[in-house]
Protein backbone atom coordinates (compact mmCIF):
# COMPACT_ATOMS: atom_id res chain seq x y z
CA UNK A 1 0.00 0.00 0.00
CA UNK A 2 1.31 3.43 -0.86
CA UNK A 3 1.86 6.25 1.64
CA UNK A 4 -1.03 8.16 0.07
CA UNK A 5 -3.41 5.25 0.59
CA UNK A 6 -2.25 4.89 4.20
CA UNK A 7 -2.88 8.59 4.83
CA UNK A 8 -6.35 8.38 3.27
CA UNK A 9 -7.29 5.46 5.49
CA UNK A 10 -6.01 7.27 8.57
CA UNK A 11 -8.20 10.27 7.71
CA UNK A 12 -11.41 8.23 7.36
CA UNK A 13 -13.97 9.32 9.90
CA UNK A 14 -15.43 6.77 12.27
CA UNK A 15 -19.15 7.36 12.64
CA UNK A 16 -21.56 6.15 15.27
CA UNK A 17 -23.31 2.87 14.41
CA UNK A 18 -26.62 4.66 13.68
CA UNK A 19 -25.10 7.54 11.67
CA UNK A 20 -25.86 6.15 8.21
CA UNK A 21 -29.46 5.28 9.17
CA UNK A 22 -30.16 8.71 10.64
CA UNK A 23 -28.45 10.50 7.76
CA UNK A 24 -30.60 8.53 5.35
CA UNK A 25 -33.79 9.42 7.24
CA UNK A 26 -32.86 13.11 7.17
CA UNK A 27 -31.71 13.14 3.55
CA UNK A 28 -34.94 11.42 2.49
CA UNK A 29 -37.06 13.96 4.35
CA UNK A 30 -38.41 11.49 6.89
CA UNK A 31 -36.60 13.23 9.76
CA UNK A 32 -36.21 16.97 10.38
CA UNK A 33 -33.37 18.65 12.30
CA UNK A 34 -35.28 18.42 15.60
CA UNK A 35 -35.52 14.65 15.22
CA UNK A 36 -31.81 14.39 14.45
CA UNK A 37 -31.11 16.54 17.52
CA UNK A 38 -33.12 14.10 19.59
CA UNK A 39 -30.83 11.32 18.35
CA UNK A 40 -27.89 13.29 19.82
CA UNK A 41 -29.71 13.61 23.16
CA UNK A 42 -30.27 9.85 23.14
CA UNK A 43 -26.57 9.34 22.33
CA UNK A 44 -27.25 7.60 19.02
CA UNK A 45 -25.00 10.09 17.19
CA UNK A 46 -22.60 12.84 18.26
CA UNK A 47 -23.06 16.60 18.06
CA UNK A 48 -20.44 16.67 15.30
CA UNK A 49 -22.42 14.11 13.33
CA UNK A 50 -25.55 16.24 13.80
CA UNK A 51 -23.69 19.10 12.13
CA UNK A 52 -22.49 16.81 9.35
CA UNK A 53 -26.03 15.56 8.70
CA UNK A 54 -27.97 18.83 9.00
CA UNK A 55 -25.38 21.44 8.10
CA UNK A 56 -26.37 23.32 11.27
CA UNK A 57 -24.35 23.78 14.44
CA UNK A 58 -25.62 21.69 17.34
CA UNK A 59 -26.86 23.84 20.22
PDB file of N, CA and C in Angstrom:
ATOM      1  N   UNK A   1       0.850  -1.180   0.000  1.00  0.00           N
ATOM      2  CA  UNK A   1       0.000   0.000   0.000  1.00  0.00           C
ATOM      3  C   UNK A   1       0.890   1.236   0.000  1.00  0.00           C
ATOM      4  N   UNK A   2       0.507   2.227  -0.769  1.00  0.00           N
ATOM      5  CA  UNK A   2       1.313   3.435  -0.858  1.00  0.00           C
ATOM      6  C   UNK A   2       1.089   4.325   0.356  1.00  0.00           C
ATOM      7  N   UNK A   3       1.992   5.297   0.533  1.00  0.00           N
ATOM      8  CA  UNK A   3       1.861   6.248   1.639  1.00  0.00           C
ATOM      9  C   UNK A   3       0.571   7.056   1.512  1.00  0.00           C
ATOM     10  N   UNK A   4       0.200   7.395   0.295  1.00  0.00           N
ATOM     11  CA  UNK A   4      -1.027   8.164   0.068  1.00  0.00           C
ATOM     12  C   UNK A   4      -2.246   7.369   0.518  1.00  0.00           C
ATOM     13  N   UNK A   5      -2.286   6.097   0.187  1.00  0.00           N
ATOM     14  CA  UNK A   5      -3.410   5.254   0.592  1.00  0.00           C
ATOM     15  C   UNK A   5      -3.458   5.111   2.105  1.00  0.00           C
ATOM     16  N   UNK A   6      -2.300   4.980   2.740  1.00  0.00           N
ATOM     17  CA  UNK A   6      -2.250   4.890   4.199  1.00  0.00           C
ATOM     18  C   UNK A   6      -2.788   6.161   4.837  1.00  0.00           C
ATOM     19  N   UNK A   7      -2.421   7.323   4.289  1.00  0.00           N
ATOM     20  CA  UNK A   7      -2.879   8.594   4.827  1.00  0.00           C
ATOM     21  C   UNK A   7      -4.390   8.734   4.658  1.00  0.00           C
ATOM     22  N   UNK A   8      -4.912   8.296   3.509  1.00  0.00           N
ATOM     23  CA  UNK A   8      -6.351   8.384   3.266  1.00  0.00           C
ATOM     24  C   UNK A   8      -7.117   7.517   4.254  1.00  0.00           C
ATOM     25  N   UNK A   9      -6.619   6.338   4.530  1.00  0.00           N
ATOM     26  CA  UNK A   9      -7.286   5.459   5.486  1.00  0.00           C
ATOM     27  C   UNK A   9      -7.236   6.055   6.889  1.00  0.00           C
ATOM     28  N   UNK A  10      -6.147   6.673   7.252  1.00  0.00           N
ATOM     29  CA  UNK A  10      -6.007   7.270   8.575  1.00  0.00           C
ATOM     30  C   UNK A  10      -6.959   8.450   8.747  1.00  0.00           C
ATOM     31  N   UNK A  11      -7.329   9.110   7.644  1.00  0.00           N
ATOM     32  CA  UNK A  11      -8.201  10.271   7.712  1.00  0.00           C
ATOM     33  C   UNK A  11      -9.679   9.907   7.659  1.00  0.00           C
ATOM     34  N   UNK A  12     -10.007   8.638   7.418  1.00  0.00           N
ATOM     35  CA  UNK A  12     -11.407   8.234   7.358  1.00  0.00           C
ATOM     36  C   UNK A  12     -12.053   8.473   8.716  1.00  0.00           C
ATOM     37  N   UNK A  13     -13.252   8.989   8.677  1.00  0.00           N
ATOM     38  CA  UNK A  13     -13.967   9.319   9.898  1.00  0.00           C
ATOM     39  C   UNK A  13     -14.740   8.098  10.380  1.00  0.00           C
ATOM     40  N   UNK A  14     -14.636   7.819  11.666  1.00  0.00           N
ATOM     41  CA  UNK A  14     -15.430   6.766  12.273  1.00  0.00           C
ATOM     42  C   UNK A  14     -16.738   7.382  12.731  1.00  0.00           C
ATOM     43  N   UNK A  15     -17.849   6.857  12.241  1.00  0.00           N
ATOM     44  CA  UNK A  15     -19.149   7.356  12.636  1.00  0.00           C
ATOM     45  C   UNK A  15     -19.798   6.410  13.643  1.00  0.00           C
ATOM     46  N   UNK A  16     -20.759   6.948  14.351  1.00  0.00           N
ATOM     47  CA  UNK A  16     -21.560   6.147  15.269  1.00  0.00           C
ATOM     48  C   UNK A  16     -22.299   5.071  14.475  1.00  0.00           C
ATOM     49  N   UNK A  17     -22.625   3.959  15.129  1.00  0.00           N
ATOM     50  CA  UNK A  17     -23.306   2.869  14.407  1.00  0.00           C
ATOM     51  C   UNK A  17     -24.606   3.295  13.714  1.00  0.00           C
ATOM     52  N   UNK A  18     -25.335   4.241  14.260  1.00  0.00           N
ATOM     53  CA  UNK A  18     -26.623   4.663  13.683  1.00  0.00           C
ATOM     54  C   UNK A  18     -26.496   5.849  12.725  1.00  0.00           C
ATOM     55  N   UNK A  19     -25.289   6.346  12.503  1.00  0.00           N
ATOM     56  CA  UNK A  19     -25.097   7.537  11.674  1.00  0.00           C
ATOM     57  C   UNK A  19     -25.712   7.385  10.290  1.00  0.00           C
ATOM     58  N   UNK A  20     -25.394   6.322   9.589  1.00  0.00           N
ATOM     59  CA  UNK A  20     -25.865   6.145   8.209  1.00  0.00           C
ATOM     60  C   UNK A  20     -27.387   6.060   8.160  1.00  0.00           C
ATOM     61  N   UNK A  21     -27.994   5.371   9.126  1.00  0.00           N
ATOM     62  CA  UNK A  21     -29.457   5.278   9.168  1.00  0.00           C
ATOM     63  C   UNK A  21     -30.079   6.661   9.345  1.00  0.00           C
ATOM     64  N   UNK A  22     -29.591   7.396  10.334  1.00  0.00           N
ATOM     65  CA  UNK A  22     -30.157   8.707  10.642  1.00  0.00           C
ATOM     66  C   UNK A  22     -29.916   9.680   9.497  1.00  0.00           C
ATOM     67  N   UNK A  23     -28.734   9.635   8.907  1.00  0.00           N
ATOM     68  CA  UNK A  23     -28.446  10.501   7.757  1.00  0.00           C
ATOM     69  C   UNK A  23     -29.409  10.189   6.612  1.00  0.00           C
ATOM     70  N   UNK A  24     -29.666   8.929   6.394  1.00  0.00           N
ATOM     71  CA  UNK A  24     -30.598   8.525   5.349  1.00  0.00           C
ATOM     72  C   UNK A  24     -32.013   9.016   5.615  1.00  0.00           C
ATOM     73  N   UNK A  25     -32.454   8.926   6.875  1.00  0.00           N
ATOM     74  CA  UNK A  25     -33.789   9.417   7.236  1.00  0.00           C
ATOM     75  C   UNK A  25     -33.883  10.916   6.966  1.00  0.00           C
ATOM     76  N   UNK A  26     -32.847  11.645   7.353  1.00  0.00           N
ATOM     77  CA  UNK A  26     -32.856  13.107   7.175  1.00  0.00           C
ATOM     78  C   UNK A  26     -32.781  13.467   5.696  1.00  0.00           C
ATOM     79  N   UNK A  27     -31.881  12.826   4.974  1.00  0.00           N
ATOM     80  CA  UNK A  27     -31.707  13.136   3.553  1.00  0.00           C
ATOM     81  C   UNK A  27     -32.961  12.804   2.739  1.00  0.00           C
ATOM     82  N   UNK A  28     -33.716  11.806   3.188  1.00  0.00           N
ATOM     83  CA  UNK A  28     -34.940  11.417   2.495  1.00  0.00           C
ATOM     84  C   UNK A  28     -36.143  12.257   2.889  1.00  0.00           C
ATOM     85  N   UNK A  29     -35.968  13.102   3.903  1.00  0.00           N
ATOM     86  CA  UNK A  29     -37.061  13.958   4.346  1.00  0.00           C
ATOM     87  C   UNK A  29     -37.961  13.325   5.392  1.00  0.00           C
ATOM     88  N   UNK A  30     -37.611  12.131   5.858  1.00  0.00           N
ATOM     89  CA  UNK A  30     -38.414  11.489   6.892  1.00  0.00           C
ATOM     90  C   UNK A  30     -38.167  12.108   8.269  1.00  0.00           C
ATOM     91  N   UNK A  31     -36.962  12.604   8.487  1.00  0.00           N
ATOM     92  CA  UNK A  31     -36.601  13.234   9.760  1.00  0.00           C
ATOM     93  C   UNK A  31     -36.229  14.686   9.507  1.00  0.00           C
ATOM     94  N   UNK A  32     -36.634  15.575  10.432  1.00  0.00           N
ATOM     95  CA  UNK A  32     -36.209  16.969  10.376  1.00  0.00           C
ATOM     96  C   UNK A  32     -35.051  17.162  11.362  1.00  0.00           C
ATOM     97  N   UNK A  33     -34.528  18.385  11.441  1.00  0.00           N
ATOM     98  CA  UNK A  33     -33.368  18.654  12.296  1.00  0.00           C
ATOM     99  C   UNK A  33     -33.678  18.390  13.764  1.00  0.00           C
ATOM    100  N   UNK A  34     -34.900  18.662  14.194  1.00  0.00           N
ATOM    101  CA  UNK A  34     -35.276  18.417  15.595  1.00  0.00           C
ATOM    102  C   UNK A  34     -35.201  16.922  15.929  1.00  0.00           C
ATOM    103  N   UNK A  35     -35.581  16.089  14.990  1.00  0.00           N
ATOM    104  CA  UNK A  35     -35.521  14.646  15.216  1.00  0.00           C
ATOM    105  C   UNK A  35     -34.072  14.162  15.273  1.00  0.00           C
ATOM    106  N   UNK A  36     -33.231  14.746  14.425  1.00  0.00           N
ATOM    107  CA  UNK A  36     -31.807  14.390  14.447  1.00  0.00           C
ATOM    108  C   UNK A  36     -31.199  14.855  15.776  1.00  0.00           C
ATOM    109  N   UNK A  37     -31.598  16.038  16.236  1.00  0.00           N
ATOM    110  CA  UNK A  37     -31.108  16.545  17.523  1.00  0.00           C
ATOM    111  C   UNK A  37     -31.495  15.600  18.656  1.00  0.00           C
ATOM    112  N   UNK A  38     -32.681  15.050  18.584  1.00  0.00           N
ATOM    113  CA  UNK A  38     -33.123  14.096  19.591  1.00  0.00           C
ATOM    114  C   UNK A  38     -32.229  12.849  19.600  1.00  0.00           C
ATOM    115  N   UNK A  39     -31.748  12.458  18.435  1.00  0.00           N
ATOM    116  CA  UNK A  39     -30.828  11.316  18.352  1.00  0.00           C
ATOM    117  C   UNK A  39     -29.520  11.620  19.073  1.00  0.00           C
ATOM    118  N   UNK A  40     -29.093  12.895  19.067  1.00  0.00           N
ATOM    119  CA  UNK A  40     -27.894  13.289  19.824  1.00  0.00           C
ATOM    120  C   UNK A  40     -28.190  13.175  21.314  1.00  0.00           C
ATOM    121  N   UNK A  41     -29.340  13.665  21.732  1.00  0.00           N
ATOM    122  CA  UNK A  41     -29.713  13.611  23.156  1.00  0.00           C
ATOM    123  C   UNK A  41     -29.785  12.178  23.654  1.00  0.00           C
ATOM    124  N   UNK A  42     -30.175  11.260  22.771  1.00  0.00           N
ATOM    125  CA  UNK A  42     -30.273   9.846  23.141  1.00  0.00           C
ATOM    126  C   UNK A  42     -28.952   9.105  22.915  1.00  0.00           C
ATOM    127  N   UNK A  43     -27.921   9.869  22.542  1.00  0.00           N
ATOM    128  CA  UNK A  43     -26.566   9.341  22.334  1.00  0.00           C
ATOM    129  C   UNK A  43     -26.478   8.302  21.219  1.00  0.00           C
ATOM    130  N   UNK A  44     -27.325   8.472  20.195  1.00  0.00           N
ATOM    131  CA  UNK A  44     -27.253   7.599  19.016  1.00  0.00           C
ATOM    132  C   UNK A  44     -26.189   8.104  18.053  1.00  0.00           C
ATOM    133  N   UNK A  45     -26.032   9.447  17.997  1.00  0.00           N
ATOM    134  CA  UNK A  45     -24.998  10.089  17.193  1.00  0.00           C
ATOM    135  C   UNK A  45     -24.375  11.203  18.026  1.00  0.00           C
ATOM    136  N   UNK A  46     -23.265  11.750  17.552  1.00  0.00           N
ATOM    137  CA  UNK A  46     -22.597  12.838  18.260  1.00  0.00           C
ATOM    138  C   UNK A  46     -23.073  14.192  17.743  1.00  0.00           C
ATOM    139  N   UNK A  47     -22.736  15.236  18.489  1.00  0.00           N
ATOM    140  CA  UNK A  47     -23.058  16.598  18.060  1.00  0.00           C
ATOM    141  C   UNK A  47     -22.364  16.928  16.746  1.00  0.00           C
ATOM    142  N   UNK A  48     -21.161  16.430  16.552  1.00  0.00           N
ATOM    143  CA  UNK A  48     -20.436  16.665  15.304  1.00  0.00           C
ATOM    144  C   UNK A  48     -21.154  15.990  14.139  1.00  0.00           C
ATOM    145  N   UNK A  49     -21.682  14.805  14.377  1.00  0.00           N
ATOM    146  CA  UNK A  49     -22.418  14.108  13.327  1.00  0.00           C
ATOM    147  C   UNK A  49     -23.730  14.837  13.018  1.00  0.00           C
ATOM    148  N   UNK A  50     -24.358  15.416  14.028  1.00  0.00           N
ATOM    149  CA  UNK A  50     -25.554  16.242  13.805  1.00  0.00           C
ATOM    150  C   UNK A  50     -25.232  17.343  12.797  1.00  0.00           C
ATOM    151  N   UNK A  51     -24.108  18.022  13.029  1.00  0.00           N
ATOM    152  CA  UNK A  51     -23.692  19.104  12.130  1.00  0.00           C
ATOM    153  C   UNK A  51     -23.417  18.567  10.730  1.00  0.00           C
ATOM    154  N   UNK A  52     -22.781  17.424  10.651  1.00  0.00           N
ATOM    155  CA  UNK A  52     -22.486  16.814   9.348  1.00  0.00           C
ATOM    156  C   UNK A  52     -23.778  16.459   8.596  1.00  0.00           C
ATOM    157  N   UNK A  53     -24.767  15.976   9.315  1.00  0.00           N
ATOM    158  CA  UNK A  53     -26.028  15.565   8.696  1.00  0.00           C
ATOM    159  C   UNK A  53     -26.878  16.768   8.300  1.00  0.00           C
ATOM    160  N   UNK A  54     -27.034  17.722   9.217  1.00  0.00           N
ATOM    161  CA  UNK A  54     -27.974  18.827   8.997  1.00  0.00           C
ATOM    162  C   UNK A  54     -27.350  20.061   8.384  1.00  0.00           C
ATOM    163  N   UNK A  55     -26.041  20.226   8.543  1.00  0.00           N
ATOM    164  CA  UNK A  55     -25.384  21.442   8.097  1.00  0.00           C
ATOM    165  C   UNK A  55     -25.556  22.590   9.066  1.00  0.00           C
ATOM    166  N   UNK A  56     -26.143  22.300  10.237  1.00  0.00           N
ATOM    167  CA  UNK A  56     -26.366  23.322  11.268  1.00  0.00           C
ATOM    168  C   UNK A  56     -25.531  22.971  12.487  1.00  0.00           C
ATOM    169  N   UNK A  57     -25.118  23.999  13.214  1.00  0.00           N
ATOM    170  CA  UNK A  57     -24.355  23.784  14.437  1.00  0.00           C
ATOM    171  C   UNK A  57     -25.283  23.262  15.527  1.00  0.00           C
ATOM    172  N   UNK A  58     -24.824  22.245  16.251  1.00  0.00           N
ATOM    173  CA  UNK A  58     -25.623  21.689  17.340  1.00  0.00           C
ATOM    174  C   UNK A  58     -25.601  22.637  18.524  1.00  0.00           C
ATOM    175  N   UNK A  59     -26.770  22.945  19.058  1.00  0.00           N
ATOM    176  CA  UNK A  59     -26.860  23.843  20.224  1.00  0.00           C
ATOM    177  C   UNK A  59     -27.654  23.191  21.318  1.00  0.00           C
TER     178      UNK A  59
END
